[in-house]
């Protein structure tokens, strides 16, 4: 078992970086929140602009238009606030799958083990806007990894060495 990042061969280091770049290059899930913000803005603009422009409808239709504008604002607020981008959920599922593969004991293929370690590191935290949140309980993940923890830390060190000082450290960084 590899415990020291320096003991990886050049080919193994290149494979680790290639897997990291492959994961990083995947397109994120579609984010509906900008559409929610747009709906709220459009509804508010319509609410205040239509009366000033002299736009008026017969009595039952004015109320209907006001209700439609209200629904537009409410639906937009709901989408903008409560509908997430799906990044956290997708990352949590992938991190758990990688953790399960590494702790299952059946991963004897070195290439698969490396892919799972990189996937675990890549998906253990997700930045969705101005915040960064963990998708796993790191203390529990470390316990579950057992002997594979040293391998995952070595892979993380390879990634940190290649990415420089801005590298995200999940298992060895502050608070890990």
N, C-alpha and C. Protein backbone atom coordinates (compact mmCIF):
# COMPACT_ATOMS: atom_id res chain seq x y z
N UNK A 1 0.85 -1.18 0.00
CA UNK A 1 0.00 0.00 0.00
C UNK A 1 0.89 1.24 0.00
N UNK A 2 0.53 2.22 -0.82
CA UNK A 2 1.28 3.46 -0.93
C UNK A 2 0.88 4.37 0.22
N UNK A 3 1.86 4.82 1.00
CA UNK A 3 1.58 5.72 2.11
C UNK A 3 2.23 7.08 1.90
N UNK A 4 3.26 7.13 1.10
CA UNK A 4 4.03 8.35 0.90
C UNK A 4 3.75 8.86 -0.52
N UNK A 5 3.37 10.13 -0.67
CA UNK A 5 3.11 10.64 -2.01
C UNK A 5 4.31 10.55 -2.93
N UNK A 6 5.51 10.54 -2.38
CA UNK A 6 6.72 10.46 -3.20
C UNK A 6 6.91 9.07 -3.79
N UNK A 7 6.22 8.07 -3.23
CA UNK A 7 6.40 6.71 -3.74
C UNK A 7 5.53 6.42 -4.96
N UNK A 8 4.68 7.36 -5.35
CA UNK A 8 3.92 7.20 -6.59
C UNK A 8 4.87 7.38 -7.77
N UNK A 9 4.71 6.57 -8.79
CA UNK A 9 5.51 6.73 -10.01
C UNK A 9 4.97 7.93 -10.79
N UNK A 10 5.73 8.34 -11.77
CA UNK A 10 5.29 9.46 -12.61
C UNK A 10 3.98 9.11 -13.33
N UNK A 11 3.86 7.87 -13.76
CA UNK A 11 2.63 7.44 -14.44
C UNK A 11 1.43 7.47 -13.48
N UNK A 12 1.66 7.04 -12.22
CA UNK A 12 0.57 7.07 -11.24
C UNK A 12 0.17 8.51 -10.91
N UNK A 13 1.15 9.38 -10.78
CA UNK A 13 0.85 10.80 -10.52
C UNK A 13 0.06 11.40 -11.69
N UNK A 14 0.46 11.05 -12.90
CA UNK A 14 -0.24 11.55 -14.08
C UNK A 14 -1.68 11.01 -14.13
N UNK A 15 -1.86 9.77 -13.73
CA UNK A 15 -3.21 9.18 -13.72
C UNK A 15 -4.08 9.86 -12.66
N UNK A 16 -3.50 10.18 -11.52
CA UNK A 16 -4.23 10.88 -10.46
C UNK A 16 -4.68 12.25 -10.97
N UNK A 17 -3.78 12.98 -11.59
CA UNK A 17 -4.11 14.30 -12.12
C UNK A 17 -5.12 14.23 -13.25
N UNK A 18 -5.00 13.22 -14.09
CA UNK A 18 -5.95 13.06 -15.20
C UNK A 18 -7.36 12.78 -14.67
N UNK A 19 -7.44 11.96 -13.65
CA UNK A 19 -8.75 11.66 -13.05
C UNK A 19 -9.33 12.91 -12.40
N UNK A 20 -8.48 13.68 -11.72
CA UNK A 20 -8.94 14.93 -11.09
C UNK A 20 -9.49 15.89 -12.16
N UNK A 21 -8.75 16.02 -13.25
CA UNK A 21 -9.18 16.93 -14.32
C UNK A 21 -10.45 16.42 -14.99
N UNK A 22 -10.60 15.11 -15.11
CA UNK A 22 -11.81 14.55 -15.70
C UNK A 22 -13.03 14.88 -14.83
N UNK A 23 -12.87 14.72 -13.52
CA UNK A 23 -13.97 15.02 -12.61
C UNK A 23 -14.27 16.52 -12.61
N UNK A 24 -13.22 17.33 -12.58
CA UNK A 24 -13.41 18.78 -12.57
C UNK A 24 -14.03 19.28 -13.87
N UNK A 25 -13.83 18.57 -14.96
CA UNK A 25 -14.36 18.98 -16.24
C UNK A 25 -15.81 18.60 -16.49
N UNK A 26 -16.39 17.81 -15.58
CA UNK A 26 -17.80 17.43 -15.74
C UNK A 26 -18.69 18.65 -15.58
N UNK A 27 -19.69 18.80 -16.43
CA UNK A 27 -20.57 19.96 -16.29
C UNK A 27 -21.42 19.85 -15.02
N UNK A 28 -21.64 20.96 -14.35
CA UNK A 28 -22.47 20.93 -13.14
C UNK A 28 -23.93 20.72 -13.51
N UNK A 29 -24.74 20.27 -12.54
CA UNK A 29 -26.18 20.15 -12.82
C UNK A 29 -26.77 21.52 -13.15
N UNK A 30 -27.87 21.53 -13.85
CA UNK A 30 -28.53 22.79 -14.20
C UNK A 30 -29.03 23.46 -12.94
N UNK A 31 -28.83 24.76 -12.87
CA UNK A 31 -29.20 25.55 -11.69
C UNK A 31 -30.42 26.41 -12.02
N UNK A 32 -31.58 26.13 -11.41
CA UNK A 32 -32.78 26.92 -11.72
C UNK A 32 -32.88 28.24 -10.95
N UNK A 33 -31.97 28.49 -10.02
CA UNK A 33 -32.09 29.68 -9.16
C UNK A 33 -32.05 31.00 -9.92
N UNK A 34 -31.22 31.17 -10.96
CA UNK A 34 -31.26 32.45 -11.69
C UNK A 34 -32.63 32.73 -12.30
N UNK A 35 -33.32 31.68 -12.75
CA UNK A 35 -34.66 31.88 -13.31
C UNK A 35 -35.63 32.35 -12.23
N UNK A 36 -35.47 31.84 -11.01
CA UNK A 36 -36.31 32.30 -9.91
C UNK A 36 -36.08 33.76 -9.60
N UNK A 37 -34.84 34.17 -9.59
CA UNK A 37 -34.51 35.59 -9.34
C UNK A 37 -35.09 36.46 -10.45
N UNK A 38 -34.97 36.00 -11.68
CA UNK A 38 -35.51 36.75 -12.81
C UNK A 38 -37.03 36.89 -12.69
N UNK A 39 -37.71 35.83 -12.27
CA UNK A 39 -39.16 35.88 -12.12
C UNK A 39 -39.56 36.88 -11.04
N UNK A 40 -38.85 36.90 -9.92
CA UNK A 40 -39.15 37.85 -8.86
C UNK A 40 -38.96 39.29 -9.35
N UNK A 41 -37.86 39.54 -10.01
CA UNK A 41 -37.58 40.89 -10.51
C UNK A 41 -38.64 41.31 -11.52
N UNK A 42 -38.98 40.41 -12.45
CA UNK A 42 -40.00 40.74 -13.45
C UNK A 42 -41.34 41.00 -12.79
N UNK A 43 -41.71 40.20 -11.81
CA UNK A 43 -42.98 40.41 -11.11
C UNK A 43 -43.03 41.73 -10.38
N UNK A 44 -41.96 42.09 -9.72
CA UNK A 44 -41.93 43.36 -8.97
C UNK A 44 -41.98 44.54 -9.94
N UNK A 45 -41.22 44.44 -11.03
CA UNK A 45 -41.24 45.52 -12.03
C UNK A 45 -42.64 45.66 -12.61
N UNK A 46 -43.28 44.56 -12.98
CA UNK A 46 -44.64 44.62 -13.51
C UNK A 46 -45.62 45.20 -12.49
N UNK A 47 -45.49 44.80 -11.24
CA UNK A 47 -46.40 45.27 -10.20
C UNK A 47 -46.35 46.79 -10.06
N UNK A 48 -45.15 47.34 -10.10
CA UNK A 48 -45.02 48.79 -9.92
C UNK A 48 -45.13 49.57 -11.23
N UNK A 49 -44.76 48.98 -12.36
CA UNK A 49 -44.73 49.71 -13.63
C UNK A 49 -46.08 49.79 -14.32
N UNK A 50 -46.87 48.74 -14.27
CA UNK A 50 -48.13 48.72 -15.02
C UNK A 50 -49.09 49.85 -14.62
N UNK A 51 -49.32 50.12 -13.33
CA UNK A 51 -50.23 51.21 -12.99
C UNK A 51 -49.68 52.58 -13.42
N UNK A 52 -48.39 52.77 -13.36
CA UNK A 52 -47.79 54.07 -13.74
C UNK A 52 -47.83 54.31 -15.24
N UNK A 53 -47.88 53.24 -16.00
CA UNK A 53 -47.95 53.38 -17.44
C UNK A 53 -49.39 53.57 -17.92
N UNK A 54 -50.30 53.63 -16.99
CA UNK A 54 -51.70 53.84 -17.33
C UNK A 54 -52.38 52.58 -17.83
N UNK A 55 -51.76 51.45 -17.57
CA UNK A 55 -52.33 50.18 -18.01
C UNK A 55 -53.43 49.78 -17.04
N UNK A 56 -54.66 49.62 -17.55
CA UNK A 56 -55.75 49.18 -16.68
C UNK A 56 -56.62 48.19 -17.43
N UNK A 57 -57.21 47.31 -16.68
CA UNK A 57 -58.07 46.27 -17.24
C UNK A 57 -59.44 46.36 -16.57
N UNK A 58 -60.45 45.80 -17.20
CA UNK A 58 -61.76 45.77 -16.54
C UNK A 58 -61.66 45.04 -15.20
N UNK A 59 -62.56 45.32 -14.26
CA UNK A 59 -62.47 44.82 -12.89
C UNK A 59 -62.10 43.36 -12.70
N UNK A 60 -62.66 42.39 -13.35
CA UNK A 60 -62.22 41.04 -12.99
C UNK A 60 -60.81 40.74 -13.49
N UNK A 61 -60.38 41.33 -14.59
CA UNK A 61 -59.08 41.02 -15.18
C UNK A 61 -57.94 41.72 -14.46
N UNK A 62 -58.21 42.86 -13.86
CA UNK A 62 -57.17 43.52 -13.07
C UNK A 62 -56.78 42.68 -11.87
N UNK A 63 -57.78 42.07 -11.24
CA UNK A 63 -57.51 41.20 -10.10
C UNK A 63 -56.78 39.93 -10.54
N UNK A 64 -57.17 39.40 -11.69
CA UNK A 64 -56.49 38.21 -12.23
C UNK A 64 -55.03 38.53 -12.53
N UNK A 65 -54.78 39.69 -13.16
CA UNK A 65 -53.40 40.08 -13.46
C UNK A 65 -52.59 40.26 -12.18
N UNK A 66 -53.18 40.86 -11.17
CA UNK A 66 -52.51 41.04 -9.88
C UNK A 66 -52.19 39.68 -9.26
N UNK A 67 -53.12 38.72 -9.36
CA UNK A 67 -52.89 37.37 -8.83
C UNK A 67 -51.77 36.67 -9.60
N UNK A 68 -51.74 36.84 -10.92
CA UNK A 68 -50.69 36.22 -11.73
C UNK A 68 -49.33 36.80 -11.37
N UNK A 69 -49.28 38.12 -11.19
CA UNK A 69 -48.02 38.75 -10.80
C UNK A 69 -47.59 38.25 -9.41
N UNK A 70 -48.56 38.12 -8.50
CA UNK A 70 -48.26 37.59 -7.16
C UNK A 70 -47.73 36.17 -7.22
N UNK A 71 -48.35 35.33 -8.06
CA UNK A 71 -47.88 33.96 -8.23
C UNK A 71 -46.49 33.92 -8.86
N UNK A 72 -46.24 34.81 -9.80
CA UNK A 72 -44.92 34.90 -10.43
C UNK A 72 -43.85 35.21 -9.39
N UNK A 73 -44.14 36.18 -8.53
CA UNK A 73 -43.17 36.55 -7.49
C UNK A 73 -43.01 35.40 -6.49
N UNK A 74 -44.12 34.79 -6.07
CA UNK A 74 -44.05 33.68 -5.10
C UNK A 74 -43.29 32.48 -5.67
N UNK A 75 -43.62 32.12 -6.91
CA UNK A 75 -42.94 30.98 -7.53
C UNK A 75 -41.46 31.28 -7.74
N UNK A 76 -41.15 32.51 -8.15
CA UNK A 76 -39.75 32.89 -8.34
C UNK A 76 -38.98 32.86 -7.04
N UNK A 77 -39.62 33.35 -5.97
CA UNK A 77 -38.96 33.32 -4.66
C UNK A 77 -38.73 31.88 -4.21
N UNK A 78 -39.71 31.02 -4.43
CA UNK A 78 -39.55 29.62 -4.05
C UNK A 78 -38.39 28.98 -4.80
N UNK A 79 -38.36 29.16 -6.12
CA UNK A 79 -37.28 28.58 -6.93
C UNK A 79 -35.93 29.18 -6.54
N UNK A 80 -35.89 30.50 -6.37
CA UNK A 80 -34.63 31.17 -6.05
C UNK A 80 -34.07 30.83 -4.69
N UNK A 81 -34.95 30.54 -3.74
CA UNK A 81 -34.49 30.27 -2.37
C UNK A 81 -34.36 28.79 -2.08
N UNK A 82 -35.37 28.01 -2.46
CA UNK A 82 -35.43 26.62 -2.01
C UNK A 82 -34.97 25.59 -3.03
N UNK A 83 -34.90 25.94 -4.27
CA UNK A 83 -34.47 24.97 -5.28
C UNK A 83 -32.95 25.08 -5.42
N UNK A 84 -32.25 24.11 -4.92
CA UNK A 84 -30.80 24.13 -5.00
C UNK A 84 -30.31 23.77 -6.38
N UNK A 85 -29.03 23.90 -6.56
CA UNK A 85 -28.45 23.62 -7.87
C UNK A 85 -28.30 22.13 -8.11
N UNK A 86 -28.37 21.32 -7.07
CA UNK A 86 -28.17 19.88 -7.21
C UNK A 86 -26.72 19.47 -7.08
N UNK A 87 -25.82 20.43 -6.96
CA UNK A 87 -24.39 20.10 -6.85
C UNK A 87 -24.10 19.32 -5.57
N UNK A 88 -24.66 19.79 -4.46
CA UNK A 88 -24.39 19.14 -3.18
C UNK A 88 -24.91 17.70 -3.18
N UNK A 89 -26.13 17.51 -3.66
CA UNK A 89 -26.71 16.17 -3.68
C UNK A 89 -25.92 15.22 -4.56
N UNK A 90 -25.54 15.68 -5.74
CA UNK A 90 -24.77 14.83 -6.65
C UNK A 90 -23.41 14.49 -6.04
N UNK A 91 -22.76 15.50 -5.45
CA UNK A 91 -21.45 15.25 -4.84
C UNK A 91 -21.57 14.31 -3.65
N UNK A 92 -22.62 14.44 -2.85
CA UNK A 92 -22.80 13.56 -1.69
C UNK A 92 -22.97 12.10 -2.12
N UNK A 93 -23.75 11.87 -3.16
CA UNK A 93 -23.95 10.51 -3.65
C UNK A 93 -22.64 9.94 -4.18
N UNK A 94 -21.90 10.74 -4.93
CA UNK A 94 -20.64 10.26 -5.50
C UNK A 94 -19.58 10.04 -4.43
N UNK A 95 -19.53 10.91 -3.43
CA UNK A 95 -18.55 10.74 -2.35
C UNK A 95 -18.87 9.47 -1.55
N UNK A 96 -20.14 9.25 -1.28
CA UNK A 96 -20.53 8.05 -0.53
C UNK A 96 -20.22 6.79 -1.33
N UNK A 97 -20.44 6.83 -2.64
CA UNK A 97 -20.13 5.67 -3.48
C UNK A 97 -18.63 5.39 -3.49
N UNK A 98 -17.83 6.44 -3.57
CA UNK A 98 -16.37 6.25 -3.56
C UNK A 98 -15.91 5.72 -2.20
N UNK A 99 -16.49 6.26 -1.13
CA UNK A 99 -16.14 5.80 0.21
C UNK A 99 -16.52 4.33 0.39
N UNK A 100 -17.69 3.97 -0.10
CA UNK A 100 -18.14 2.58 0.01
C UNK A 100 -17.23 1.66 -0.79
N UNK A 101 -16.80 2.09 -1.96
CA UNK A 101 -15.90 1.26 -2.77
C UNK A 101 -14.56 1.08 -2.08
N UNK A 102 -14.08 2.12 -1.42
CA UNK A 102 -12.78 2.02 -0.74
C UNK A 102 -12.88 1.22 0.56
N UNK A 103 -14.02 1.22 1.19
CA UNK A 103 -14.15 0.50 2.46
C UNK A 103 -14.71 -0.89 2.29
N UNK A 104 -15.19 -1.21 1.08
CA UNK A 104 -15.79 -2.52 0.84
C UNK A 104 -14.81 -3.66 0.87
N UNK A 105 -13.54 -3.38 0.72
CA UNK A 105 -12.54 -4.42 0.76
C UNK A 105 -12.34 -5.14 -0.55
N UNK A 106 -13.20 -4.90 -1.54
CA UNK A 106 -13.08 -5.59 -2.81
C UNK A 106 -12.24 -4.84 -3.84
N UNK A 107 -11.73 -3.67 -3.48
CA UNK A 107 -10.97 -2.86 -4.43
C UNK A 107 -9.51 -3.30 -4.41
N UNK A 108 -9.17 -4.26 -5.24
CA UNK A 108 -7.78 -4.71 -5.32
C UNK A 108 -7.09 -4.12 -6.54
N UNK A 109 -7.86 -3.71 -7.54
CA UNK A 109 -7.30 -3.09 -8.73
C UNK A 109 -6.78 -1.70 -8.36
N UNK A 110 -5.51 -1.46 -8.60
CA UNK A 110 -4.88 -0.19 -8.21
C UNK A 110 -5.49 1.01 -8.96
N UNK A 111 -5.85 0.81 -10.21
CA UNK A 111 -6.45 1.90 -10.99
C UNK A 111 -7.81 2.28 -10.42
N UNK A 112 -8.63 1.29 -10.10
CA UNK A 112 -9.95 1.56 -9.52
C UNK A 112 -9.80 2.21 -8.15
N UNK A 113 -8.86 1.74 -7.39
CA UNK A 113 -8.61 2.31 -6.06
C UNK A 113 -8.22 3.78 -6.17
N UNK A 114 -7.35 4.09 -7.14
CA UNK A 114 -6.94 5.47 -7.36
C UNK A 114 -8.13 6.33 -7.78
N UNK A 115 -8.95 5.81 -8.71
CA UNK A 115 -10.12 6.57 -9.16
C UNK A 115 -11.08 6.85 -8.00
N UNK A 116 -11.28 5.86 -7.14
CA UNK A 116 -12.18 6.06 -6.00
C UNK A 116 -11.60 7.06 -5.00
N UNK A 117 -10.30 7.01 -4.79
CA UNK A 117 -9.67 7.96 -3.87
C UNK A 117 -9.79 9.39 -4.40
N UNK A 118 -9.54 9.58 -5.68
CA UNK A 118 -9.66 10.92 -6.28
C UNK A 118 -11.12 11.38 -6.23
N UNK A 119 -12.05 10.48 -6.53
CA UNK A 119 -13.47 10.84 -6.48
C UNK A 119 -13.89 11.21 -5.06
N UNK A 120 -13.40 10.50 -4.08
CA UNK A 120 -13.72 10.82 -2.69
C UNK A 120 -13.23 12.21 -2.33
N UNK A 121 -12.01 12.53 -2.72
CA UNK A 121 -11.45 13.85 -2.43
C UNK A 121 -12.21 14.93 -3.20
N UNK A 122 -12.51 14.67 -4.46
CA UNK A 122 -13.18 15.67 -5.29
C UNK A 122 -14.60 15.95 -4.83
N UNK A 123 -15.28 14.94 -4.31
CA UNK A 123 -16.69 15.11 -3.96
C UNK A 123 -16.95 15.23 -2.46
N UNK A 124 -15.92 15.20 -1.63
CA UNK A 124 -16.12 15.29 -0.18
C UNK A 124 -16.51 16.70 0.25
N UNK A 125 -16.25 17.69 -0.57
CA UNK A 125 -16.66 19.07 -0.28
C UNK A 125 -17.15 19.68 -1.58
N UNK A 126 -18.12 20.55 -1.46
CA UNK A 126 -18.68 21.18 -2.65
C UNK A 126 -18.86 22.67 -2.40
N UNK A 127 -18.42 23.45 -3.38
CA UNK A 127 -18.61 24.89 -3.32
C UNK A 127 -19.82 25.25 -4.18
N UNK A 128 -20.85 25.72 -3.54
CA UNK A 128 -22.08 26.06 -4.26
C UNK A 128 -22.42 27.50 -3.97
N UNK A 129 -21.69 28.39 -4.61
CA UNK A 129 -21.87 29.81 -4.33
C UNK A 129 -20.75 30.29 -3.42
N UNK A 130 -21.08 31.12 -2.44
CA UNK A 130 -20.04 31.67 -1.60
C UNK A 130 -19.58 30.74 -0.47
N UNK A 131 -20.19 29.58 -0.35
CA UNK A 131 -19.86 28.69 0.77
C UNK A 131 -19.25 27.39 0.27
N UNK A 132 -18.57 26.72 1.16
CA UNK A 132 -18.02 25.39 0.91
C UNK A 132 -18.56 24.49 2.00
N UNK A 133 -19.18 23.39 1.62
CA UNK A 133 -19.72 22.49 2.63
C UNK A 133 -19.27 21.07 2.34
N UNK A 134 -19.13 20.31 3.42
CA UNK A 134 -18.72 18.91 3.30
C UNK A 134 -19.94 18.06 2.98
N UNK A 135 -19.73 17.06 2.16
CA UNK A 135 -20.81 16.15 1.81
C UNK A 135 -20.79 14.90 2.66
N UNK A 136 -19.73 14.73 3.43
CA UNK A 136 -19.57 13.58 4.31
C UNK A 136 -19.18 14.05 5.70
N UNK A 137 -19.45 13.24 6.68
CA UNK A 137 -18.91 13.46 8.01
C UNK A 137 -17.46 12.95 7.95
N UNK A 138 -16.51 13.89 7.98
CA UNK A 138 -15.11 13.51 7.77
C UNK A 138 -14.57 12.58 8.84
N UNK A 139 -14.97 12.79 10.08
CA UNK A 139 -14.49 11.91 11.15
C UNK A 139 -14.97 10.48 10.93
N UNK A 140 -16.21 10.35 10.56
CA UNK A 140 -16.75 9.01 10.30
C UNK A 140 -16.12 8.41 9.05
N UNK A 141 -15.90 9.23 8.03
CA UNK A 141 -15.26 8.75 6.80
C UNK A 141 -13.85 8.24 7.09
N UNK A 142 -13.12 8.97 7.94
CA UNK A 142 -11.76 8.53 8.29
C UNK A 142 -11.80 7.19 9.01
N UNK A 143 -12.76 7.02 9.92
CA UNK A 143 -12.88 5.74 10.62
C UNK A 143 -13.23 4.62 9.65
N UNK A 144 -14.15 4.91 8.74
CA UNK A 144 -14.57 3.89 7.78
C UNK A 144 -13.44 3.51 6.83
N UNK A 145 -12.61 4.47 6.46
CA UNK A 145 -11.51 4.18 5.53
C UNK A 145 -10.48 3.23 6.13
N UNK A 146 -10.26 3.34 7.43
CA UNK A 146 -9.30 2.46 8.08
C UNK A 146 -7.92 2.55 7.45
N UNK A 147 -7.41 1.42 6.97
CA UNK A 147 -6.06 1.37 6.38
C UNK A 147 -5.99 2.16 5.07
N UNK A 148 -7.11 2.35 4.39
CA UNK A 148 -7.11 3.10 3.14
C UNK A 148 -6.97 4.60 3.36
N UNK A 149 -7.10 5.06 4.60
CA UNK A 149 -6.95 6.49 4.88
C UNK A 149 -5.57 6.98 4.48
N UNK A 150 -4.54 6.21 4.76
CA UNK A 150 -3.18 6.61 4.38
C UNK A 150 -3.06 6.77 2.86
N UNK A 151 -3.69 5.89 2.12
CA UNK A 151 -3.66 5.97 0.67
C UNK A 151 -4.38 7.22 0.18
N UNK A 152 -5.56 7.50 0.73
CA UNK A 152 -6.33 8.68 0.32
C UNK A 152 -5.56 9.94 0.65
N UNK A 153 -4.91 9.99 1.81
CA UNK A 153 -4.09 11.15 2.18
C UNK A 153 -2.91 11.30 1.23
N UNK A 154 -2.30 10.20 0.83
CA UNK A 154 -1.19 10.27 -0.12
C UNK A 154 -1.66 10.80 -1.47
N UNK A 155 -2.83 10.37 -1.92
CA UNK A 155 -3.38 10.88 -3.18
C UNK A 155 -3.69 12.37 -3.04
N UNK A 156 -4.23 12.75 -1.90
CA UNK A 156 -4.51 14.17 -1.65
C UNK A 156 -3.22 15.00 -1.66
N UNK A 157 -2.16 14.46 -1.11
CA UNK A 157 -0.87 15.15 -1.13
C UNK A 157 -0.34 15.32 -2.55
N UNK A 158 -0.51 14.31 -3.39
CA UNK A 158 -0.09 14.42 -4.79
C UNK A 158 -0.87 15.55 -5.45
N UNK A 159 -2.17 15.59 -5.24
CA UNK A 159 -2.99 16.66 -5.82
C UNK A 159 -2.57 18.02 -5.29
N UNK A 160 -2.28 18.10 -3.99
CA UNK A 160 -1.87 19.38 -3.39
C UNK A 160 -0.52 19.83 -3.95
N UNK A 161 0.39 18.90 -4.14
CA UNK A 161 1.70 19.26 -4.69
C UNK A 161 1.58 19.78 -6.12
N UNK A 162 0.69 19.19 -6.88
CA UNK A 162 0.54 19.58 -8.28
C UNK A 162 -0.27 20.87 -8.44
N UNK A 163 -1.21 21.12 -7.52
CA UNK A 163 -2.09 22.28 -7.64
C UNK A 163 -1.54 23.51 -6.94
N UNK A 164 -0.56 23.34 -6.12
CA UNK A 164 0.04 24.49 -5.45
C UNK A 164 -0.67 24.90 -4.18
N UNK A 165 -0.37 26.12 -3.68
CA UNK A 165 -0.88 26.53 -2.38
C UNK A 165 -2.40 26.71 -2.32
N UNK A 166 -3.08 26.86 -3.45
CA UNK A 166 -4.53 27.03 -3.43
C UNK A 166 -5.30 25.72 -3.42
N UNK A 167 -4.61 24.60 -3.29
CA UNK A 167 -5.26 23.30 -3.34
C UNK A 167 -6.20 23.11 -2.15
N UNK A 168 -7.32 22.50 -2.42
CA UNK A 168 -8.28 22.20 -1.38
C UNK A 168 -7.88 20.91 -0.70
N UNK A 169 -7.64 20.99 0.60
CA UNK A 169 -7.27 19.80 1.38
C UNK A 169 -8.46 19.38 2.22
N UNK A 170 -8.93 18.19 1.96
CA UNK A 170 -10.12 17.68 2.64
C UNK A 170 -9.73 16.88 3.89
N UNK A 171 -8.83 15.94 3.73
CA UNK A 171 -8.49 15.04 4.83
C UNK A 171 -7.26 15.50 5.62
N UNK A 172 -6.53 16.49 5.12
CA UNK A 172 -5.33 16.94 5.82
C UNK A 172 -5.35 18.43 6.12
N UNK A 173 -6.39 19.13 5.71
CA UNK A 173 -6.44 20.58 5.88
C UNK A 173 -6.92 20.99 7.25
N UNK A 174 -7.07 22.29 7.47
CA UNK A 174 -7.57 22.79 8.75
C UNK A 174 -8.97 22.25 9.02
N UNK A 175 -9.20 21.82 10.21
CA UNK A 175 -10.50 21.29 10.60
C UNK A 175 -10.74 19.87 10.17
N UNK A 176 -9.75 19.21 9.56
CA UNK A 176 -9.96 17.84 9.08
C UNK A 176 -9.87 16.83 10.18
